[in-house]
Protein backbone atom coordinates (compact mmCIF):
# COMPACT_ATOMS: atom_id res chain seq x y z
CA MET A 1 2.91 -102.33 -28.02
CA GLY A 2 5.72 -102.18 -30.68
CA GLY A 3 3.63 -102.01 -33.79
CA ASN A 4 1.89 -99.05 -35.08
CA ARG A 5 -1.63 -98.26 -33.48
CA THR A 6 -4.23 -96.12 -34.83
CA HIS A 7 -6.79 -94.51 -32.89
CA ASN A 8 -10.17 -94.29 -34.51
CA GLY A 9 -8.84 -94.48 -37.97
CA ASN A 10 -6.07 -91.67 -37.61
CA ASN A 11 -2.78 -91.40 -36.96
CA PRO A 12 -2.11 -91.23 -33.24
CA ASP A 13 0.74 -89.00 -34.09
CA LYS A 14 -1.01 -86.36 -35.47
CA VAL A 15 -1.96 -83.42 -33.16
CA THR A 16 -4.34 -80.18 -33.31
CA PRO A 17 -2.68 -77.30 -33.46
CA LEU A 18 -3.69 -74.98 -30.50
CA ASP A 19 -1.87 -71.77 -31.39
CA HIS A 20 -4.81 -70.59 -33.77
CA ARG A 21 -7.03 -70.92 -30.90
CA ARG A 22 -4.99 -68.97 -28.65
CA HIS A 23 -4.14 -66.33 -31.00
CA LYS A 24 -7.95 -65.43 -31.70
CA GLY A 25 -8.71 -61.84 -32.15
CA THR A 26 -4.89 -61.02 -33.00
CA GLY A 27 -5.61 -60.70 -36.85
CA ARG A 28 -4.40 -64.01 -37.44
CA GLU A 29 -6.51 -66.30 -39.98
CA GLU A 30 -8.63 -68.81 -37.65
CA THR A 31 -8.26 -72.46 -38.68
CA ASP A 32 -11.16 -74.74 -38.21
CA LEU A 33 -10.70 -77.82 -35.64
CA ILE A 34 -9.97 -80.61 -37.32
CA PRO A 35 -12.50 -83.37 -36.79
CA ASP A 36 -11.33 -85.88 -34.35
CA GLU A 37 -12.81 -88.74 -32.55
CA SER A 38 -10.24 -88.53 -29.99
CA SER A 39 -10.92 -87.35 -26.48
CA LEU A 40 -8.80 -84.04 -26.89
CA GLY A 41 -10.64 -83.22 -29.80
CA GLU A 42 -13.90 -83.51 -28.46
CA LEU A 43 -13.28 -81.56 -25.21
CA LEU A 44 -12.25 -78.91 -27.40
CA ILE A 45 -15.71 -78.61 -29.28
CA HIS A 46 -17.47 -78.94 -26.67
CA MET A 47 -15.63 -76.16 -24.71
CA ARG A 48 -16.41 -73.90 -27.89
CA ARG A 49 -19.62 -74.62 -27.73
CA VAL A 50 -20.54 -73.79 -24.35
CA ARG A 51 -18.60 -70.62 -24.62
CA GLN A 52 -21.08 -69.48 -27.52
CA THR A 53 -24.36 -70.68 -25.82
CA VAL A 54 -23.27 -68.83 -22.37
CA PRO A 55 -21.88 -65.03 -23.45
CA VAL A 56 -22.70 -63.80 -19.90
CA ASN A 57 -19.29 -62.85 -19.16
CA THR A 58 -19.10 -60.93 -22.16
CA ARG A 59 -22.07 -59.08 -22.21
CA LEU A 60 -21.28 -57.99 -18.63
CA ARG A 61 -17.90 -57.03 -19.55
CA GLU A 62 -19.28 -54.92 -22.48
CA GLU A 63 -21.84 -52.82 -20.22
CA LEU A 64 -19.32 -52.40 -17.37
CA ARG A 65 -17.10 -51.10 -19.98
CA ALA A 66 -19.63 -48.74 -21.41
CA ARG A 67 -20.40 -47.35 -17.98
CA LEU A 68 -17.18 -46.88 -16.85
CA LEU A 69 -16.36 -44.72 -19.91
CA GLN A 70 -19.65 -42.47 -19.43
CA MET A 71 -18.21 -41.88 -15.76
CA GLN A 72 -14.59 -41.32 -16.41
CA PRO A 73 -13.93 -40.31 -20.29
CA THR A 74 -10.95 -40.69 -21.87
CA GLU A 75 -8.17 -37.50 -22.05
CA GLY A 76 -7.87 -37.59 -25.82
CA ALA A 77 -4.69 -38.38 -27.51
CA GLY A 78 -2.54 -41.06 -26.14
CA GLY A 79 -5.28 -43.02 -24.65
CA THR A 80 -4.99 -41.46 -20.80
CA GLN A 81 -7.75 -42.84 -19.03
CA ARG A 82 -9.64 -41.01 -15.84
CA PRO A 83 -9.48 -42.95 -12.72
CA GLY A 84 -11.98 -45.76 -12.72
CA ALA A 85 -11.08 -46.94 -16.38
CA ALA A 86 -10.03 -50.46 -16.43
CA SER A 87 -7.89 -51.91 -19.19
CA THR A 88 -5.74 -54.92 -20.15
CA SER A 89 -1.85 -54.75 -20.46
CA GLU A 90 -2.63 -54.27 -24.43
CA GLY A 91 -4.79 -51.19 -23.67
CA ALA A 92 -8.03 -53.10 -23.70
CA PRO A 93 -10.47 -52.72 -20.73
CA GLN A 94 -10.89 -55.56 -18.37
CA PRO A 95 -13.98 -55.73 -16.03
CA GLY A 96 -13.30 -55.03 -11.97
CA VAL A 97 -9.57 -53.97 -12.74
CA ILE A 98 -8.32 -50.16 -11.90
CA SER A 99 -5.76 -49.27 -14.04
CA THR A 100 -2.54 -47.74 -12.54
CA GLY A 101 -0.29 -47.44 -15.91
CA GLU A 102 1.87 -44.67 -16.83
CA GLY A 103 -0.34 -41.49 -17.21
CA THR A 104 -3.13 -42.47 -15.31
CA PRO A 105 -3.57 -41.09 -11.51
CA PRO A 106 -3.19 -43.84 -9.18
CA SER A 107 -6.50 -42.96 -7.24
CA SER A 108 -10.30 -41.21 -8.13
CA ALA A 109 -10.21 -40.15 -4.55
CA GLN A 110 -7.82 -37.21 -5.71
CA PRO A 111 -8.68 -35.12 -8.84
CA ALA A 112 -6.46 -34.17 -11.55
CA GLY A 113 -4.79 -30.59 -10.67
CA LYS A 114 -5.55 -29.33 -14.10
CA GLY A 115 -9.43 -28.95 -13.20
CA ARG A 116 -8.87 -28.31 -9.38
CA TRP A 117 -6.94 -24.87 -9.84
CA PRO A 118 -9.47 -22.89 -12.29
CA LYS A 119 -12.56 -23.88 -9.90
CA TYR A 120 -10.60 -22.38 -6.71
CA PHE A 121 -8.25 -19.92 -8.19
CA TRP A 122 -10.66 -16.87 -7.12
CA LEU A 123 -9.92 -17.60 -3.66
CA PHE A 124 -6.69 -16.14 -3.59
CA PRO A 125 -7.39 -12.62 -5.07
CA ALA A 126 -10.52 -12.58 -2.77
CA VAL A 127 -8.09 -13.53 0.25
CA LEU A 128 -5.89 -10.63 -0.46
CA LEU A 129 -8.70 -8.13 -1.33
CA LEU A 130 -10.20 -9.09 2.24
CA ALA A 131 -6.79 -8.60 4.04
CA ALA A 132 -6.17 -5.18 2.29
CA GLY A 133 -9.71 -3.86 3.21
CA TYR A 134 -9.07 -4.83 6.77
CA TRP A 135 -5.78 -3.09 6.81
CA LEU A 136 -7.10 -0.23 5.40
CA TRP A 137 -9.91 -0.07 8.12
CA TRP A 138 -7.62 -0.84 10.86
CA SER A 139 -5.28 2.08 9.99
CA THR A 140 -7.89 4.63 9.36
CA LEU A 141 -11.29 3.73 11.03
CA ALA A 142 -10.26 1.79 13.70
CA PRO A 143 -10.40 3.75 17.40
CA LYS A 144 -7.10 5.30 18.17
CA THR A 145 -5.89 7.08 21.46
CA LEU A 146 -2.67 9.20 22.21
CA GLU A 147 -0.01 8.12 24.17
CA ALA A 148 3.03 10.26 25.67
CA GLY A 149 6.36 9.23 24.62
CA THR A 150 9.70 10.88 25.53
CA THR A 151 9.63 13.89 27.46
CA SER A 152 12.42 16.51 27.30
CA GLU A 153 12.93 19.71 28.98
CA ILE A 154 13.11 22.72 26.57
CA SER A 155 13.67 25.47 28.74
CA ARG A 156 13.31 26.75 32.44
CA PHE A 157 12.09 30.19 33.75
CA TRP A 158 12.10 31.76 37.15
CA LEU A 159 8.35 31.30 38.99
CA GLU A 160 6.50 34.64 38.47
CA ASP A 161 2.84 35.45 39.71
CA SER A 162 1.46 35.13 36.01
CA PRO A 163 1.90 31.96 34.81
CA LEU A 164 4.06 30.82 31.63
CA GLU A 165 2.71 31.96 28.34
CA PHE A 166 3.83 30.91 25.33
CA ALA A 167 3.64 30.01 21.49
CA CYS A 168 4.89 27.63 19.41
CA ALA A 169 6.20 28.32 15.66
CA PRO A 170 5.56 25.98 12.76
CA ARG A 171 8.39 23.98 11.24
CA GLY A 172 10.92 23.84 14.09
CA ARG A 173 11.21 27.66 14.14
CA GLY A 174 11.33 27.69 17.52
CA PHE A 175 9.06 29.38 20.56
CA LEU A 176 7.73 32.57 21.98
CA ALA A 177 7.29 33.06 25.55
CA VAL A 178 6.67 35.99 27.54
CA ARG A 179 8.50 36.79 30.98
CA GLY A 180 8.45 40.18 33.06
CA GLY A 181 6.32 41.51 30.27
CA ALA A 182 8.77 41.06 27.54
CA LEU A 183 8.64 38.70 24.48
CA LEU A 184 11.65 36.00 24.47
CA LEU A 185 12.56 34.14 21.40
CA LEU A 186 13.64 30.52 21.55
CA ASP A 187 14.98 28.49 18.98
CA GLN A 188 13.93 24.74 18.71
CA TYR A 189 16.16 23.46 21.38
CA GLY A 190 15.16 25.54 23.84
CA ASN A 191 17.79 28.11 24.01
CA GLN A 192 17.14 31.75 24.14
CA THR A 193 18.34 33.68 21.22
CA GLY A 194 16.95 37.14 22.05
CA ILE A 195 14.62 39.61 23.83
CA VAL A 196 12.02 42.09 22.47
CA LYS A 197 11.31 44.55 25.10
CA PRO A 198 8.19 46.64 24.74
CA PRO A 199 8.56 50.67 24.96
CA GLY A 200 8.33 52.28 28.46
CA GLY A 201 5.31 52.04 30.44
CA GLN A 202 3.95 48.98 28.50
CA SER A 203 4.15 45.27 28.45
CA TYR A 204 3.27 42.14 26.47
CA ALA A 205 0.98 39.26 27.49
CA TRP A 206 -0.41 36.56 25.85
CA PRO A 207 1.09 35.49 22.55
CA ALA A 208 -0.42 33.54 19.64
CA LEU A 209 0.49 32.53 16.53
CA THR A 210 -1.34 31.33 13.29
CA PRO A 211 -1.18 27.76 12.38
CA SER A 212 1.27 29.22 9.21
CA GLY A 213 3.36 31.35 11.69
CA ASP A 214 3.10 34.03 9.68
CA GLN A 215 0.89 36.27 11.94
CA LEU A 216 1.65 37.04 15.98
CA ALA A 217 -1.49 38.29 18.04
CA LEU A 218 -0.22 39.96 21.40
CA VAL A 219 -2.16 41.97 24.26
CA ARG A 220 -0.26 45.00 24.90
CA ARG A 221 -0.68 46.68 28.19
CA TYR A 222 -0.47 50.20 29.56
CA GLU A 223 0.31 51.48 33.22
CA THR A 224 -2.74 53.35 33.11
CA GLY A 225 -4.63 50.31 32.84
CA GLU A 226 -5.89 50.39 29.21
CA ALA A 227 -4.78 47.32 27.10
CA GLU A 228 -5.13 46.53 23.30
CA ILE A 229 -4.83 43.35 21.18
CA ILE A 230 -2.23 43.98 18.44
CA ARG A 231 -1.28 41.93 15.08
CA ALA A 232 2.13 41.61 13.84
CA ALA A 233 3.42 40.13 10.49
CA MET A 234 6.09 37.52 11.69
CA PRO A 235 9.34 36.83 9.53
CA ALA A 236 9.29 33.22 7.89
CA VAL A 237 12.62 32.80 9.41
CA PRO A 238 13.48 30.51 12.27
CA LEU A 239 13.80 32.14 15.62
CA ALA A 240 17.60 32.89 15.71
CA PRO A 241 19.52 35.90 16.58
CA GLU A 242 19.27 37.17 13.23
CA ALA A 243 15.33 37.62 14.12
CA VAL A 244 15.51 39.75 16.78
CA PRO A 245 15.68 42.82 14.48
CA GLN A 246 12.75 41.85 12.45
CA VAL A 247 10.70 40.91 15.06
CA GLU A 248 11.32 44.22 16.82
CA ARG A 249 10.34 46.17 13.58
CA ALA A 250 7.08 43.78 13.13
CA LEU A 251 5.99 44.58 16.82
CA ALA A 252 6.68 48.66 16.25
CA GLY A 253 4.30 48.36 13.16
CA ALA A 254 1.73 46.27 14.80
CA ALA A 255 -1.83 46.91 13.76
CA VAL A 256 -4.49 47.57 16.49
CA LEU A 257 -7.38 44.94 16.48
CA LEU A 258 -9.18 45.88 19.60
CA LYS A 259 -8.96 48.72 22.19
CA VAL A 260 -9.91 47.34 25.79
CA ASP A 261 -11.16 49.69 28.31
CA LYS A 262 -9.57 50.40 31.82
CA GLY A 263 -10.10 47.61 34.30
CA LYS A 264 -11.05 44.95 31.74
CA ASN A 265 -8.44 42.24 31.14
CA PRO A 266 -8.01 40.39 27.71
CA ALA A 267 -6.58 37.12 27.74
CA GLY A 268 -6.29 33.50 26.17
CA LEU A 269 -5.76 34.59 22.58
CA ALA A 270 -6.31 31.55 19.88
CA TRP A 271 -6.39 31.72 16.17
CA SER A 272 -8.77 29.92 14.16
CA PRO A 273 -7.28 27.00 11.70
CA ASP A 274 -7.53 29.47 8.66
CA GLY A 275 -5.74 32.08 10.64
CA LYS A 276 -8.52 34.73 9.88
CA THR A 277 -10.54 34.66 13.19
CA LEU A 278 -9.28 35.60 16.83
CA ALA A 279 -10.63 34.02 19.83
CA TYR A 280 -9.92 35.45 23.32
CA SER A 281 -11.77 35.64 26.99
CA MET A 282 -12.65 39.04 28.38
CA GLU A 283 -12.39 39.40 32.32
CA GLU A 284 -14.51 41.90 33.85
CA PRO A 285 -13.95 44.10 36.82
CA GLY A 286 -16.46 41.83 39.05
CA GLY A 287 -14.64 38.57 37.75
CA LYS A 288 -16.98 37.85 34.95
CA GLU A 289 -15.17 36.15 31.90
CA GLU A 290 -16.83 36.00 28.52
CA ILE A 291 -15.48 34.46 25.15
CA PHE A 292 -15.44 36.54 21.99
CA LEU A 293 -14.64 36.27 18.20
CA LEU A 294 -12.83 38.94 16.46
CA THR A 295 -12.60 39.00 12.88
CA GLY A 296 -11.10 41.76 10.67
CA GLY A 297 -12.61 45.35 11.35
CA LYS A 298 -15.92 43.65 12.56
CA GLU A 299 -17.31 44.01 16.11
CA PRO A 300 -16.78 41.34 18.52
CA VAL A 301 -18.87 38.60 18.89
CA SER A 302 -20.10 37.21 22.31
CA LEU A 303 -20.21 33.00 22.65
CA GLY A 304 -21.08 33.07 26.52
CA PRO A 305 -19.27 32.79 29.38
CA GLY A 306 -15.84 31.19 29.39
CA ARG A 307 -12.12 31.46 29.14
CA ASN A 308 -9.13 29.70 27.54
CA PRO A 309 -10.67 28.83 24.20
CA ALA A 310 -9.26 26.45 21.88
CA TRP A 311 -10.25 25.67 18.43
CA SER A 312 -11.30 22.27 16.77
CA PRO A 313 -9.02 21.17 13.71
CA ASP A 314 -12.06 22.18 11.18
CA GLY A 315 -12.99 25.37 12.99
CA SER A 316 -16.30 24.52 13.54
CA ARG A 317 -16.20 24.05 17.32
CA LEU A 318 -14.73 25.79 20.45
CA ALA A 319 -13.81 24.03 23.62
CA VAL A 320 -13.94 26.59 26.08
CA GLU A 321 -13.50 26.46 30.04
CA ARG A 322 -16.38 27.03 32.46
CA ALA A 323 -17.17 26.93 36.15
CA GLY A 324 -19.32 23.98 37.17
CA PRO A 325 -22.28 24.31 39.87
CA ALA A 326 -19.56 23.38 42.91
CA GLY A 327 -16.97 25.93 41.51
CA GLU A 328 -15.00 23.14 39.67
CA PRO A 329 -13.78 23.84 36.26
CA GLU A 330 -15.63 21.91 33.01
CA LEU A 331 -15.14 21.88 29.58
CA TRP A 332 -17.83 22.88 27.15
CA LEU A 333 -18.44 22.88 23.35
CA VAL A 334 -19.50 25.91 21.42
CA THR A 335 -20.08 26.93 17.86
CA PRO A 336 -18.71 30.03 16.15
CA GLY A 337 -22.27 31.09 15.75
CA GLY A 338 -23.28 31.13 19.25
CA GLY A 339 -25.43 27.93 19.04
CA ASP A 340 -26.31 25.58 21.77
CA ALA A 341 -23.27 25.02 24.07
CA ARG A 342 -22.94 21.26 25.59
CA ARG A 343 -21.10 20.40 28.40
CA LEU A 344 -18.36 18.02 27.55
CA THR A 345 -16.32 16.58 30.49
CA GLY A 346 -14.65 18.22 33.86
CA GLY A 347 -11.26 19.63 33.69
CA ARG A 348 -9.40 23.11 32.39
CA GLN A 349 -6.87 24.37 30.14
CA PRO A 350 -8.07 22.85 27.10
CA ALA A 351 -5.62 22.20 24.15
CA TRP A 352 -6.89 20.75 20.50
CA SER A 353 -4.61 18.88 18.50
CA PRO A 354 -4.71 18.82 14.49
CA ARG A 355 -5.26 15.45 14.63
CA GLY A 356 -8.64 15.80 16.67
CA TYR A 357 -7.40 14.96 20.17
CA LEU A 358 -8.60 17.67 22.95
CA ALA A 359 -6.01 17.62 25.78
CA PHE A 360 -7.04 18.87 29.35
CA ILE A 361 -5.98 19.33 32.91
CA ARG A 362 -7.88 17.77 35.51
CA ALA A 363 -7.25 17.27 39.36
CA LYS A 364 -7.77 13.94 41.36
CA THR A 365 -7.15 13.15 44.61
CA THR A 366 -4.23 10.59 44.91
CA GLU A 367 -3.20 8.71 47.95
CA ARG A 368 0.48 7.47 48.23
CA VAL A 369 2.07 5.28 50.67
CA LEU A 370 5.34 6.19 52.38
CA THR A 371 5.92 3.49 54.77
CA TYR A 372 4.38 0.01 55.50
CA SER A 373 4.05 -1.70 58.88
CA ARG A 374 5.23 -5.33 59.60
CA ASP A 375 2.04 -7.16 58.51
CA GLY A 376 2.31 -5.21 55.11
CA SER A 377 -0.46 -2.80 55.74
CA PRO A 378 -0.15 0.80 54.92
CA LEU A 379 1.41 2.78 57.90
CA PHE A 380 1.91 6.46 56.85
CA THR A 381 0.06 7.60 53.97
CA VAL A 382 -0.14 11.16 52.13
CA ARG A 383 -3.34 12.12 50.47
CA GLN A 384 -3.63 15.00 48.23
CA ARG A 385 -5.40 16.41 45.18
CA GLN A 386 -3.01 16.42 42.25
CA GLU A 387 -3.28 17.60 38.36
CA GLU A 388 -3.05 15.17 35.38
CA ILE A 389 -3.24 15.48 31.91
CA ARG A 390 -5.98 13.55 30.15
CA THR A 391 -7.24 13.36 26.46
CA ILE A 392 -10.56 12.48 24.48
CA ASN A 393 -11.42 12.31 20.95
CA PRO A 394 -14.77 14.20 20.72
CA GLU A 395 -15.38 13.02 17.08
CA LEU A 396 -15.68 9.59 18.14
CA LEU A 397 -18.95 10.51 20.35
CA GLY A 398 -20.83 11.82 17.14
CA LYS A 399 -22.33 15.07 17.26
CA ARG A 400 -24.64 14.46 19.96
CA LEU A 401 -22.74 13.85 23.17
CA PRO A 402 -24.06 11.13 25.52
CA LYS A 403 -26.13 12.03 28.60
CA GLN A 404 -23.60 11.66 31.62
CA LYS A 405 -24.34 11.23 35.10
CA GLU A 406 -22.13 13.36 37.84
CA ASN A 407 -18.34 12.45 38.00
CA GLN A 408 -19.07 10.05 34.65
CA THR A 409 -16.14 9.88 32.40
CA LEU A 410 -16.46 9.77 28.64
CA SER A 411 -15.65 6.43 26.78
CA THR A 412 -12.77 8.25 25.20
CA ASP A 413 -11.51 9.81 28.24
CA ARG A 414 -7.76 8.52 28.67
CA LEU A 415 -4.51 9.42 30.64
CA LEU A 416 -2.10 11.05 28.90
CA LEU A 417 0.53 12.25 31.80
CA ALA A 418 0.06 11.21 35.26
CA PRO A 419 0.92 13.24 38.47
CA ASP A 420 4.29 13.37 39.90
CA THR A 421 4.37 10.94 43.18
CA THR A 422 7.65 11.40 44.31
CA PRO A 423 7.99 12.67 47.86
CA GLY A 424 8.66 16.25 48.92
CA GLY A 425 10.52 17.94 51.47
CA THR A 426 7.17 18.51 53.45
CA GLU A 427 6.48 14.53 53.17
CA LEU A 428 10.15 13.58 54.24
CA ASN A 429 10.09 16.11 57.44
CA TRP A 430 6.87 14.65 58.68
CA LEU A 431 8.35 11.20 58.72
CA ARG A 432 11.00 12.25 60.33
CA GLN A 433 8.91 13.98 62.69
CA LEU A 434 6.93 10.68 63.66
CA GLU A 435 10.19 8.43 63.72
CA MET A 436 11.54 10.99 66.68
CA GLU A 437 7.90 10.72 68.23
CA GLY A 438 8.03 6.90 67.92
CA VAL A 439 4.73 6.68 66.35
CA ARG A 440 3.59 3.26 65.20
CA GLU A 441 -0.11 3.35 64.33
CA PRO A 442 -1.23 4.46 60.80
CA ARG A 443 -1.48 8.14 60.06
CA THR A 444 -2.39 10.15 57.21
CA LEU A 445 -0.95 13.39 55.81
CA LEU A 446 -3.48 15.98 54.28
CA LEU A 447 -1.79 18.29 51.69
CA ASP A 448 -3.25 21.29 49.90
CA GLN A 449 -4.11 20.90 46.01
CA LEU A 450 -0.99 21.12 44.14
CA ASN A 451 -1.28 22.62 40.62
CA ASN A 452 1.71 21.41 38.73
CA TYR A 453 0.58 22.59 35.20
CA GLN A 454 0.39 26.28 34.08
CA SER A 455 -0.45 26.10 30.43
CA MET A 456 0.06 23.78 27.37
CA HIS A 457 -0.42 23.78 23.46
CA PHE A 458 0.05 21.47 20.64
CA SER A 459 2.94 21.96 17.93
CA PRO A 460 1.12 22.92 14.59
CA ASP A 461 1.83 19.54 13.50
CA GLY A 462 0.17 17.56 16.30
CA LYS A 463 3.42 15.52 16.83
CA THR A 464 4.50 17.03 20.53
CA LEU A 465 2.74 18.68 23.34
CA LEU A 466 4.11 21.67 24.89
CA VAL A 467 3.82 21.97 28.93
CA ALA A 468 4.48 24.82 31.47
CA ARG A 469 4.81 22.85 34.76
CA ARG A 470 5.87 24.20 37.99
CA ASP A 471 9.20 22.62 39.59
CA GLY A 472 9.61 24.42 42.67
CA GLY A 473 10.78 27.73 42.38
CA THR A 474 10.84 27.58 38.57
CA VAL A 475 8.61 27.02 35.74
CA THR A 476 9.91 24.36 33.26
CA LEU A 477 8.88 24.20 29.49
CA VAL A 478 8.43 20.53 28.62
CA GLN A 479 7.98 18.88 25.42
CA VAL A 480 6.06 15.44 25.26
CA GLU A 481 6.48 13.35 21.92
CA LEU A 482 2.96 11.98 21.08
CA ARG A 483 2.27 8.72 19.17
CA GLU A 484 -1.12 7.17 18.10
CA LYS A 485 -2.09 3.73 19.33
CA THR A 486 -5.10 1.41 17.66
CA THR A 487 -7.25 0.46 20.20
CA GLY A 488 -7.89 -3.13 20.29
CA ARG A 489 -11.44 -4.76 20.19
CA GLY A 490 -12.53 -4.76 23.72
CA GLU A 491 -9.83 -2.74 25.12
CA LYS A 492 -10.79 0.30 27.30
CA GLN A 493 -9.85 3.51 25.89
């Protein structure tokens, strides 16, 4: 064992270098295997032959690589690959291995952001456009109703046989009212700034200002029974004390629009929105009332029976008050041309806002509970017909009004001002009497109808409603702030 030994005629210390085989494909020169009859050389030769005769793995690898390249093409320079492309550590693709190197998305389930935004970017402006359209519809075309806000007292007058007649000047100039046949001037806060008395034997009634406030129409009555409708040019100044002389001169030089025969009573003067036509009612000696239109120097045009005319904002229609079959007041729509009149709803004293709302007064039966019994049931109650102020929007009803059954309300009918339910002296005295008599069974007190409201007008801008309301032995001029509310889907108007 100590001597040199040979193996198949070769030096046993000679070893075949394997580095050349391991670095095949790296650009190095490949050296053929040295023929060797040793077991190691034969094994290497046999493995090489097997690899060359069975190239299944190589072909499968190339096909898989080609298919992956078709499904996920590379990104250009830099070698960045789409999800699904496999590579070795040197950049060569390997079958079945998903690349997670730098510059490659971690998963094929999440597409690259560069391709996602251009595809869905149109959704952002579309959503903004849809939101803007919905807001425009909601603010302009959605159904709206009128609600009462803050109520404040403007002025107070003693109660007279005739109702309080007043007019509202535009742009906060003040108010005009008639008391005792004289014309009262009030500033925007309701303070009386002056009084214009007519000449002896005359009296003023039913003041009406044009929407611009430059023309004043009045009824001038004489002690002999005749009457006139006159028109005066109003100064474009606030109704302060300095305006009293100007108003006096304007009334002294007023033009006579219509002379009325003895026994007839003109009332309810109302200017059209353009200030060119004057509507009024004429009461005949027998109690018959008729609506007329007066334009310039033309003859008056009759619109049929009615009283208290109110112009629509565009001047195409008028709301008038007529007596119903049972004597209850009703509101009717008529046209200046004298077309067919149509019944609107039950109520009286119409007032049409520049914003399209029609306010009116309606009486309803109310029942108020004054005291309760021990079991919680009503004991003493009061039943009375009281008046309330309601509004409708005829524009939402269309040109043809829907057919209504008796006592049926319109879809746009809504309460604006509720009646006052505070117990008065009559109710308190009745309760005191029942207490003294020891009455413990249910009782109901029936009271006469209470007409709280005398007249009302919208301000020229439609933001406030002026109401003349009875309050004991006085009449209060009340200003009601108004606000519009958009009616939601399914909400009753």
